N, C-alpha and C. Protein backbone atom coordinates (compact mmCIF):
# COMPACT_ATOMS: atom_id res chain seq x y z
N MET A 1 -34.68 -42.05 84.74
CA MET A 1 -36.03 -42.58 84.66
C MET A 1 -36.65 -42.62 86.05
N GLN A 2 -37.93 -42.37 86.07
CA GLN A 2 -38.68 -42.56 87.31
C GLN A 2 -38.88 -44.07 87.52
N LYS A 3 -39.14 -44.46 88.75
CA LYS A 3 -39.24 -45.88 89.08
C LYS A 3 -40.26 -46.63 88.22
N PRO A 4 -41.48 -46.11 88.01
CA PRO A 4 -42.43 -46.88 87.19
C PRO A 4 -41.93 -47.10 85.75
N GLU A 5 -41.28 -46.09 85.17
CA GLU A 5 -40.73 -46.24 83.81
C GLU A 5 -39.59 -47.25 83.79
N PHE A 6 -38.76 -47.17 84.82
CA PHE A 6 -37.61 -48.07 84.92
C PHE A 6 -38.08 -49.52 85.04
N VAL A 7 -39.05 -49.75 85.91
CA VAL A 7 -39.56 -51.11 86.09
C VAL A 7 -40.27 -51.59 84.83
N ALA A 8 -40.97 -50.69 84.14
CA ALA A 8 -41.61 -51.08 82.88
C ALA A 8 -40.56 -51.47 81.84
N ALA A 9 -39.43 -50.79 81.84
CA ALA A 9 -38.38 -51.07 80.85
C ALA A 9 -37.52 -52.28 81.23
N PHE A 10 -37.30 -52.49 82.53
CA PHE A 10 -36.33 -53.50 82.96
C PHE A 10 -36.88 -54.54 83.94
N GLY A 11 -38.16 -54.49 84.22
CA GLY A 11 -38.74 -55.40 85.21
C GLY A 11 -38.66 -56.86 84.83
N ASP A 12 -38.51 -57.15 83.55
CA ASP A 12 -38.45 -58.55 83.11
C ASP A 12 -37.02 -59.06 82.93
N VAL A 13 -36.02 -58.25 83.25
CA VAL A 13 -34.63 -58.71 83.15
C VAL A 13 -34.40 -59.88 84.10
N ALA A 14 -34.95 -59.78 85.30
CA ALA A 14 -34.91 -60.88 86.26
C ALA A 14 -36.19 -61.68 86.09
N GLU A 15 -36.05 -62.90 85.67
CA GLU A 15 -37.16 -63.78 85.31
C GLU A 15 -38.33 -63.72 86.29
N HIS A 16 -39.46 -63.16 85.86
CA HIS A 16 -40.68 -63.09 86.67
C HIS A 16 -40.42 -62.51 88.06
N SER A 17 -39.46 -61.58 88.16
CA SER A 17 -39.08 -61.01 89.47
C SER A 17 -38.80 -59.51 89.33
N PRO A 18 -39.84 -58.70 89.10
CA PRO A 18 -39.62 -57.27 88.92
C PRO A 18 -39.05 -56.57 90.15
N TRP A 19 -39.09 -57.21 91.31
CA TRP A 19 -38.52 -56.61 92.51
C TRP A 19 -37.04 -56.32 92.34
N VAL A 20 -36.36 -57.08 91.50
CA VAL A 20 -34.92 -56.83 91.30
C VAL A 20 -34.74 -55.47 90.63
N ALA A 21 -35.54 -55.18 89.63
CA ALA A 21 -35.46 -53.87 88.96
C ALA A 21 -35.84 -52.75 89.93
N GLU A 22 -36.84 -52.99 90.77
CA GLU A 22 -37.24 -51.98 91.75
C GLU A 22 -36.09 -51.66 92.69
N GLU A 23 -35.41 -52.70 93.17
CA GLU A 23 -34.27 -52.50 94.07
C GLU A 23 -33.08 -51.88 93.33
N ALA A 24 -32.86 -52.28 92.10
CA ALA A 24 -31.76 -51.70 91.31
C ALA A 24 -31.99 -50.22 91.08
N HIS A 25 -33.24 -49.85 90.82
CA HIS A 25 -33.56 -48.43 90.58
C HIS A 25 -33.11 -47.57 91.75
N ALA A 26 -33.29 -48.06 92.97
CA ALA A 26 -32.92 -47.31 94.17
C ALA A 26 -31.42 -47.05 94.25
N LEU A 27 -30.63 -47.79 93.49
CA LEU A 27 -29.17 -47.63 93.50
C LEU A 27 -28.69 -46.63 92.45
N GLY A 28 -29.61 -46.09 91.65
CA GLY A 28 -29.27 -45.14 90.59
C GLY A 28 -29.09 -43.74 91.14
N PRO A 29 -28.79 -42.78 90.31
CA PRO A 29 -28.67 -42.90 88.85
C PRO A 29 -27.38 -43.64 88.45
N PHE A 30 -27.35 -44.06 87.20
CA PHE A 30 -26.27 -44.90 86.70
C PHE A 30 -25.41 -44.12 85.72
N ALA A 31 -24.13 -44.15 85.94
CA ALA A 31 -23.20 -43.43 85.07
C ALA A 31 -23.10 -44.07 83.69
N ASP A 32 -23.29 -45.39 83.65
CA ASP A 32 -23.16 -46.11 82.38
C ASP A 32 -23.82 -47.48 82.51
N ARG A 33 -23.76 -48.23 81.43
CA ARG A 33 -24.39 -49.55 81.41
C ARG A 33 -23.79 -50.47 82.46
N GLU A 34 -22.49 -50.41 82.67
CA GLU A 34 -21.84 -51.26 83.66
C GLU A 34 -22.38 -50.98 85.06
N ALA A 35 -22.64 -49.72 85.37
CA ALA A 35 -23.21 -49.37 86.67
C ALA A 35 -24.63 -49.94 86.82
N LEU A 36 -25.38 -49.93 85.73
CA LEU A 36 -26.72 -50.51 85.73
C LEU A 36 -26.65 -52.02 85.99
N ILE A 37 -25.75 -52.69 85.32
CA ILE A 37 -25.57 -54.13 85.51
C ILE A 37 -25.19 -54.43 86.95
N THR A 38 -24.26 -53.66 87.48
CA THR A 38 -23.83 -53.83 88.86
C THR A 38 -24.99 -53.63 89.83
N ALA A 39 -25.85 -52.67 89.55
CA ALA A 39 -27.01 -52.42 90.42
C ALA A 39 -27.94 -53.63 90.45
N PHE A 40 -28.17 -54.26 89.31
CA PHE A 40 -29.02 -55.47 89.28
C PHE A 40 -28.37 -56.59 90.08
N GLN A 41 -27.08 -56.76 89.90
CA GLN A 41 -26.39 -57.82 90.64
C GLN A 41 -26.40 -57.54 92.14
N THR A 42 -26.18 -56.29 92.52
CA THR A 42 -26.20 -55.90 93.93
C THR A 42 -27.57 -56.11 94.54
N ALA A 43 -28.61 -55.72 93.81
CA ALA A 43 -29.98 -55.91 94.30
C ALA A 43 -30.24 -57.38 94.60
N MET A 44 -29.79 -58.25 93.72
CA MET A 44 -29.98 -59.69 93.92
C MET A 44 -29.16 -60.18 95.12
N LEU A 45 -27.90 -59.79 95.18
CA LEU A 45 -27.01 -60.30 96.23
C LEU A 45 -27.37 -59.75 97.61
N ASP A 46 -27.94 -58.55 97.66
CA ASP A 46 -28.34 -57.95 98.94
C ASP A 46 -29.70 -58.46 99.43
N ALA A 47 -30.41 -59.19 98.61
CA ALA A 47 -31.73 -59.70 98.98
C ALA A 47 -31.60 -60.81 100.01
N SER A 48 -32.69 -61.08 100.68
CA SER A 48 -32.70 -62.18 101.65
C SER A 48 -32.50 -63.51 100.92
N HIS A 49 -32.10 -64.51 101.67
CA HIS A 49 -31.93 -65.85 101.10
C HIS A 49 -33.24 -66.32 100.48
N GLY A 50 -34.36 -66.04 101.15
CA GLY A 50 -35.66 -66.45 100.63
C GLY A 50 -35.99 -65.79 99.30
N ALA A 51 -35.71 -64.50 99.19
CA ALA A 51 -35.96 -63.78 97.93
C ALA A 51 -35.05 -64.31 96.83
N GLN A 52 -33.80 -64.62 97.18
CA GLN A 52 -32.88 -65.20 96.19
C GLN A 52 -33.39 -66.56 95.72
N LEU A 53 -33.86 -67.37 96.65
CA LEU A 53 -34.39 -68.69 96.29
C LEU A 53 -35.61 -68.54 95.39
N ASP A 54 -36.49 -67.60 95.72
CA ASP A 54 -37.66 -67.36 94.86
C ASP A 54 -37.22 -66.95 93.46
N LEU A 55 -36.18 -66.12 93.36
CA LEU A 55 -35.66 -65.70 92.06
C LEU A 55 -35.13 -66.90 91.28
N ILE A 56 -34.37 -67.74 91.94
CA ILE A 56 -33.85 -68.94 91.27
C ILE A 56 -35.01 -69.81 90.79
N ARG A 57 -35.98 -70.00 91.65
CA ARG A 57 -37.12 -70.86 91.31
C ARG A 57 -38.02 -70.26 90.23
N ALA A 58 -37.91 -68.96 89.98
CA ALA A 58 -38.70 -68.32 88.93
C ALA A 58 -38.20 -68.67 87.53
N HIS A 59 -36.99 -69.22 87.45
CA HIS A 59 -36.42 -69.59 86.15
C HIS A 59 -36.99 -70.92 85.66
N PRO A 60 -37.20 -71.02 84.35
CA PRO A 60 -37.71 -72.28 83.80
C PRO A 60 -36.62 -73.33 83.70
N ASP A 61 -37.03 -74.59 83.68
CA ASP A 61 -36.09 -75.66 83.36
C ASP A 61 -35.56 -75.43 81.95
N LEU A 62 -34.32 -75.81 81.72
CA LEU A 62 -33.77 -75.74 80.37
C LEU A 62 -34.38 -76.86 79.54
N ALA A 63 -34.99 -76.48 78.43
CA ALA A 63 -35.65 -77.44 77.53
C ALA A 63 -36.70 -78.25 78.28
N GLY A 64 -37.38 -77.62 79.22
CA GLY A 64 -38.35 -78.31 80.04
C GLY A 64 -39.78 -78.06 79.63
N LYS A 65 -40.70 -78.34 80.55
CA LYS A 65 -42.13 -78.24 80.28
C LYS A 65 -42.56 -76.83 79.89
N ALA A 66 -42.02 -75.82 80.57
CA ALA A 66 -42.41 -74.43 80.26
C ALA A 66 -42.00 -74.09 78.84
N ALA A 67 -40.85 -74.58 78.41
CA ALA A 67 -40.39 -74.32 77.04
C ALA A 67 -41.33 -74.98 76.04
N MET A 68 -41.70 -76.21 76.31
CA MET A 68 -42.57 -76.94 75.40
C MET A 68 -43.97 -76.32 75.33
N ALA A 69 -44.42 -75.76 76.46
CA ALA A 69 -45.75 -75.16 76.51
C ALA A 69 -45.75 -73.70 76.09
N GLY A 70 -44.57 -73.14 75.82
CA GLY A 70 -44.48 -71.74 75.42
C GLY A 70 -44.76 -70.77 76.56
N GLU A 71 -44.47 -71.17 77.80
CA GLU A 71 -44.79 -70.37 78.97
C GLU A 71 -43.61 -69.59 79.53
N MET A 72 -42.50 -69.53 78.82
CA MET A 72 -41.33 -68.83 79.31
C MET A 72 -41.38 -67.36 78.93
N ALA A 73 -40.61 -66.55 79.66
CA ALA A 73 -40.44 -65.15 79.31
C ALA A 73 -39.79 -65.07 77.93
N ALA A 74 -40.05 -63.99 77.22
CA ALA A 74 -39.54 -63.82 75.85
C ALA A 74 -38.03 -63.96 75.79
N ASP A 75 -37.32 -63.35 76.74
CA ASP A 75 -35.85 -63.46 76.74
C ASP A 75 -35.41 -64.91 76.88
N SER A 76 -36.06 -65.66 77.76
CA SER A 76 -35.69 -67.07 77.96
C SER A 76 -35.93 -67.88 76.69
N LYS A 77 -37.05 -67.63 76.03
CA LYS A 77 -37.34 -68.34 74.77
C LYS A 77 -36.23 -68.09 73.76
N ARG A 78 -35.88 -66.83 73.59
CA ARG A 78 -34.86 -66.45 72.61
C ARG A 78 -33.50 -67.06 72.98
N GLU A 79 -33.15 -67.00 74.26
CA GLU A 79 -31.85 -67.52 74.70
C GLU A 79 -31.77 -69.03 74.54
N GLN A 80 -32.84 -69.74 74.92
CA GLN A 80 -32.82 -71.19 74.78
C GLN A 80 -32.79 -71.60 73.31
N ALA A 81 -33.52 -70.89 72.48
CA ALA A 81 -33.50 -71.18 71.04
C ALA A 81 -32.11 -70.93 70.47
N GLY A 82 -31.45 -69.87 70.92
CA GLY A 82 -30.10 -69.56 70.45
C GLY A 82 -29.09 -70.65 70.78
N ALA A 83 -29.36 -71.38 71.85
CA ALA A 83 -28.48 -72.49 72.24
C ALA A 83 -28.93 -73.81 71.62
N GLY A 84 -29.97 -73.77 70.79
CA GLY A 84 -30.45 -74.97 70.12
C GLY A 84 -31.35 -75.84 70.98
N LEU A 85 -31.81 -75.33 72.11
CA LEU A 85 -32.63 -76.15 73.00
C LEU A 85 -34.05 -76.33 72.51
N ASP A 86 -34.41 -75.60 71.46
CA ASP A 86 -35.74 -75.79 70.86
C ASP A 86 -35.70 -76.79 69.71
N GLN A 87 -34.54 -77.40 69.47
CA GLN A 87 -34.38 -78.34 68.36
C GLN A 87 -33.67 -79.61 68.82
N LEU A 88 -34.03 -80.09 69.98
CA LEU A 88 -33.38 -81.29 70.52
C LEU A 88 -33.94 -82.54 69.87
N THR A 89 -33.09 -83.54 69.75
CA THR A 89 -33.56 -84.85 69.33
C THR A 89 -34.35 -85.45 70.51
N ALA A 90 -35.06 -86.52 70.25
CA ALA A 90 -35.82 -87.18 71.31
C ALA A 90 -34.89 -87.65 72.43
N ASP A 91 -33.72 -88.17 72.07
CA ASP A 91 -32.77 -88.62 73.09
C ASP A 91 -32.23 -87.45 73.91
N GLU A 92 -31.92 -86.35 73.25
CA GLU A 92 -31.43 -85.17 73.96
C GLU A 92 -32.50 -84.61 74.89
N PHE A 93 -33.73 -84.56 74.41
CA PHE A 93 -34.83 -84.08 75.25
C PHE A 93 -34.99 -84.98 76.47
N ALA A 94 -34.90 -86.28 76.27
CA ALA A 94 -35.02 -87.22 77.39
C ALA A 94 -33.88 -87.01 78.39
N ARG A 95 -32.69 -86.72 77.89
CA ARG A 95 -31.54 -86.46 78.78
C ARG A 95 -31.76 -85.19 79.59
N PHE A 96 -32.21 -84.12 78.93
CA PHE A 96 -32.50 -82.88 79.66
C PHE A 96 -33.60 -83.11 80.69
N THR A 97 -34.64 -83.83 80.31
CA THR A 97 -35.75 -84.10 81.23
C THR A 97 -35.27 -84.86 82.46
N ASP A 98 -34.45 -85.87 82.24
CA ASP A 98 -33.90 -86.65 83.34
C ASP A 98 -33.04 -85.78 84.25
N LEU A 99 -32.13 -85.00 83.65
CA LEU A 99 -31.25 -84.14 84.45
C LEU A 99 -32.04 -83.07 85.20
N ASN A 100 -33.02 -82.46 84.53
CA ASN A 100 -33.85 -81.46 85.20
C ASN A 100 -34.52 -82.06 86.44
N GLY A 101 -35.08 -83.25 86.30
CA GLY A 101 -35.76 -83.90 87.42
C GLY A 101 -34.81 -84.26 88.55
N ARG A 102 -33.68 -84.83 88.21
CA ARG A 102 -32.69 -85.22 89.23
C ARG A 102 -32.15 -83.99 89.95
N TYR A 103 -31.88 -82.94 89.19
CA TYR A 103 -31.34 -81.71 89.76
C TYR A 103 -32.36 -81.08 90.72
N LEU A 104 -33.60 -80.97 90.29
CA LEU A 104 -34.65 -80.39 91.12
C LEU A 104 -34.85 -81.20 92.40
N ASP A 105 -34.85 -82.52 92.27
CA ASP A 105 -34.98 -83.38 93.45
C ASP A 105 -33.83 -83.16 94.43
N ARG A 106 -32.63 -82.99 93.90
CA ARG A 106 -31.43 -82.85 94.75
C ARG A 106 -31.37 -81.48 95.42
N PHE A 107 -31.68 -80.41 94.67
CA PHE A 107 -31.45 -79.06 95.17
C PHE A 107 -32.71 -78.29 95.54
N GLY A 108 -33.84 -78.66 94.99
CA GLY A 108 -35.07 -77.94 95.30
C GLY A 108 -35.28 -76.69 94.46
N PHE A 109 -34.47 -76.51 93.44
CA PHE A 109 -34.61 -75.40 92.50
C PHE A 109 -34.06 -75.84 91.15
N PRO A 110 -34.46 -75.14 90.08
CA PRO A 110 -34.02 -75.57 88.74
C PRO A 110 -32.55 -75.25 88.47
N PHE A 111 -31.98 -76.01 87.57
CA PHE A 111 -30.61 -75.78 87.09
C PHE A 111 -30.59 -74.45 86.34
N ILE A 112 -29.68 -73.57 86.74
CA ILE A 112 -29.56 -72.26 86.10
C ILE A 112 -28.25 -72.22 85.34
N PHE A 113 -28.34 -71.84 84.08
CA PHE A 113 -27.16 -71.70 83.22
C PHE A 113 -27.45 -70.58 82.24
N ALA A 114 -26.57 -69.59 82.20
CA ALA A 114 -26.72 -68.49 81.24
C ALA A 114 -26.35 -69.03 79.86
N VAL A 115 -27.36 -69.37 79.07
CA VAL A 115 -27.15 -70.14 77.85
C VAL A 115 -26.67 -69.32 76.64
N LYS A 116 -26.73 -68.01 76.73
CA LYS A 116 -26.33 -67.19 75.59
C LYS A 116 -24.88 -67.51 75.21
N GLY A 117 -24.67 -67.85 73.96
CA GLY A 117 -23.34 -68.17 73.46
C GLY A 117 -22.91 -69.61 73.72
N ALA A 118 -23.76 -70.39 74.36
CA ALA A 118 -23.43 -71.78 74.67
C ALA A 118 -24.12 -72.72 73.69
N THR A 119 -23.61 -73.92 73.62
CA THR A 119 -24.24 -74.97 72.82
C THR A 119 -24.94 -75.94 73.76
N LYS A 120 -25.81 -76.78 73.21
CA LYS A 120 -26.49 -77.76 74.05
C LYS A 120 -25.49 -78.73 74.69
N ASP A 121 -24.41 -79.03 73.98
CA ASP A 121 -23.39 -79.93 74.54
C ASP A 121 -22.68 -79.28 75.73
N MET A 122 -22.40 -77.98 75.64
CA MET A 122 -21.78 -77.26 76.76
C MET A 122 -22.71 -77.25 77.96
N ILE A 123 -23.99 -77.04 77.71
CA ILE A 123 -24.98 -76.99 78.79
C ILE A 123 -25.10 -78.36 79.45
N LEU A 124 -25.18 -79.41 78.65
CA LEU A 124 -25.27 -80.76 79.20
C LEU A 124 -24.03 -81.11 80.02
N ALA A 125 -22.86 -80.71 79.56
CA ALA A 125 -21.62 -80.99 80.30
C ALA A 125 -21.64 -80.27 81.65
N ALA A 126 -22.11 -79.03 81.67
CA ALA A 126 -22.20 -78.28 82.93
C ALA A 126 -23.22 -78.94 83.86
N PHE A 127 -24.34 -79.36 83.29
CA PHE A 127 -25.38 -80.05 84.05
C PHE A 127 -24.79 -81.27 84.75
N GLU A 128 -24.09 -82.10 83.99
CA GLU A 128 -23.50 -83.33 84.52
C GLU A 128 -22.47 -83.01 85.61
N ALA A 129 -21.67 -81.97 85.41
CA ALA A 129 -20.64 -81.62 86.37
C ALA A 129 -21.23 -81.04 87.66
N ARG A 130 -22.26 -80.24 87.54
CA ARG A 130 -22.80 -79.53 88.70
C ARG A 130 -23.79 -80.34 89.53
N ILE A 131 -24.35 -81.39 88.98
CA ILE A 131 -25.39 -82.13 89.70
C ILE A 131 -24.85 -82.80 90.96
N GLU A 132 -23.54 -82.95 91.07
CA GLU A 132 -22.94 -83.56 92.26
C GLU A 132 -22.46 -82.53 93.27
N ASN A 133 -22.63 -81.24 93.00
CA ASN A 133 -22.21 -80.19 93.92
C ASN A 133 -22.97 -80.27 95.25
N GLU A 134 -22.42 -79.62 96.25
CA GLU A 134 -23.13 -79.44 97.51
C GLU A 134 -24.16 -78.34 97.30
N ILE A 135 -25.23 -78.33 98.09
CA ILE A 135 -26.32 -77.40 97.87
C ILE A 135 -25.87 -75.94 98.01
N ASP A 136 -25.04 -75.61 98.99
CA ASP A 136 -24.59 -74.23 99.15
C ASP A 136 -23.77 -73.78 97.96
N GLN A 137 -22.92 -74.65 97.47
CA GLN A 137 -22.11 -74.35 96.30
C GLN A 137 -23.00 -74.12 95.08
N GLU A 138 -24.00 -74.95 94.93
CA GLU A 138 -24.87 -74.83 93.76
C GLU A 138 -25.77 -73.61 93.86
N PHE A 139 -26.20 -73.24 95.05
CA PHE A 139 -26.98 -72.03 95.24
C PHE A 139 -26.16 -70.82 94.79
N GLU A 140 -24.91 -70.75 95.22
CA GLU A 140 -24.02 -69.65 94.81
C GLU A 140 -23.76 -69.67 93.31
N THR A 141 -23.60 -70.85 92.74
CA THR A 141 -23.40 -70.95 91.30
C THR A 141 -24.63 -70.46 90.55
N ALA A 142 -25.80 -70.81 91.04
CA ALA A 142 -27.05 -70.34 90.42
C ALA A 142 -27.11 -68.82 90.44
N LEU A 143 -26.75 -68.19 91.54
CA LEU A 143 -26.76 -66.72 91.62
C LEU A 143 -25.75 -66.12 90.64
N ARG A 144 -24.57 -66.72 90.54
CA ARG A 144 -23.58 -66.23 89.55
C ARG A 144 -24.10 -66.35 88.13
N GLN A 145 -24.79 -67.44 87.84
CA GLN A 145 -25.36 -67.61 86.50
C GLN A 145 -26.46 -66.59 86.24
N ILE A 146 -27.27 -66.29 87.25
CA ILE A 146 -28.31 -65.27 87.10
C ILE A 146 -27.67 -63.91 86.88
N ALA A 147 -26.58 -63.63 87.56
CA ALA A 147 -25.87 -62.37 87.33
C ALA A 147 -25.40 -62.28 85.88
N ARG A 148 -24.95 -63.39 85.31
CA ARG A 148 -24.55 -63.41 83.90
C ARG A 148 -25.76 -63.17 83.00
N ILE A 149 -26.90 -63.75 83.36
CA ILE A 149 -28.12 -63.52 82.59
C ILE A 149 -28.49 -62.05 82.62
N PHE A 150 -28.42 -61.43 83.80
CA PHE A 150 -28.67 -59.99 83.89
C PHE A 150 -27.76 -59.23 82.92
N ARG A 151 -26.47 -59.56 82.97
CA ARG A 151 -25.50 -58.87 82.10
C ARG A 151 -25.90 -59.01 80.63
N PHE A 152 -26.13 -60.22 80.19
CA PHE A 152 -26.48 -60.45 78.78
C PHE A 152 -27.73 -59.68 78.39
N ARG A 153 -28.76 -59.73 79.22
CA ARG A 153 -30.02 -59.07 78.88
C ARG A 153 -29.88 -57.55 78.88
N LEU A 154 -29.14 -57.02 79.84
CA LEU A 154 -28.96 -55.56 79.88
C LEU A 154 -28.05 -55.09 78.75
N GLU A 155 -27.05 -55.87 78.41
CA GLU A 155 -26.19 -55.51 77.27
C GLU A 155 -27.00 -55.49 75.97
N ASP A 156 -27.98 -56.36 75.87
CA ASP A 156 -28.84 -56.37 74.67
C ASP A 156 -29.76 -55.16 74.61
N ARG A 157 -30.10 -54.57 75.75
CA ARG A 157 -31.07 -53.50 75.80
C ARG A 157 -30.49 -52.09 75.90
N VAL A 158 -29.29 -51.98 76.44
CA VAL A 158 -28.74 -50.65 76.73
C VAL A 158 -27.42 -50.48 75.98
N GLU A 159 -27.32 -49.37 75.27
CA GLU A 159 -26.08 -49.04 74.56
C GLU A 159 -24.94 -48.84 75.55
N ALA A 160 -23.74 -49.20 75.15
CA ALA A 160 -22.57 -49.01 76.02
C ALA A 160 -22.26 -47.55 76.23
């Protein structure tokens, strides 16, 4: 694929960050889906700290305001719904809201968790465990979770 076609097809894999697809394209051509996934991960990891932080910050809160307002990317909507985050009780929603706020205050970026295949209880347990991490550790964890999101989204779009 030429770069414009590639970005049109994969520019939304990285939440509101088509630059990742642009950088991944430069690493092609790709022998297979795994090589494509690796290119997205490499593009993210080779980016400046500032670009990585912008990528992390481009992600919506889990079960947060963007979800309630319908302002998330289509993939995020589908993934959060698959984890049951669109059907929280009032108490669960209040817990997510509290954790989202505390996490953002502590780290300066939203909690990132690749929710595909997870339950709301698994996500809440991870939230509780990670909120006490050091900022550098949590930044790296956020990037690993984004790499998992890339994998899930590309596996959904590209045949093996």
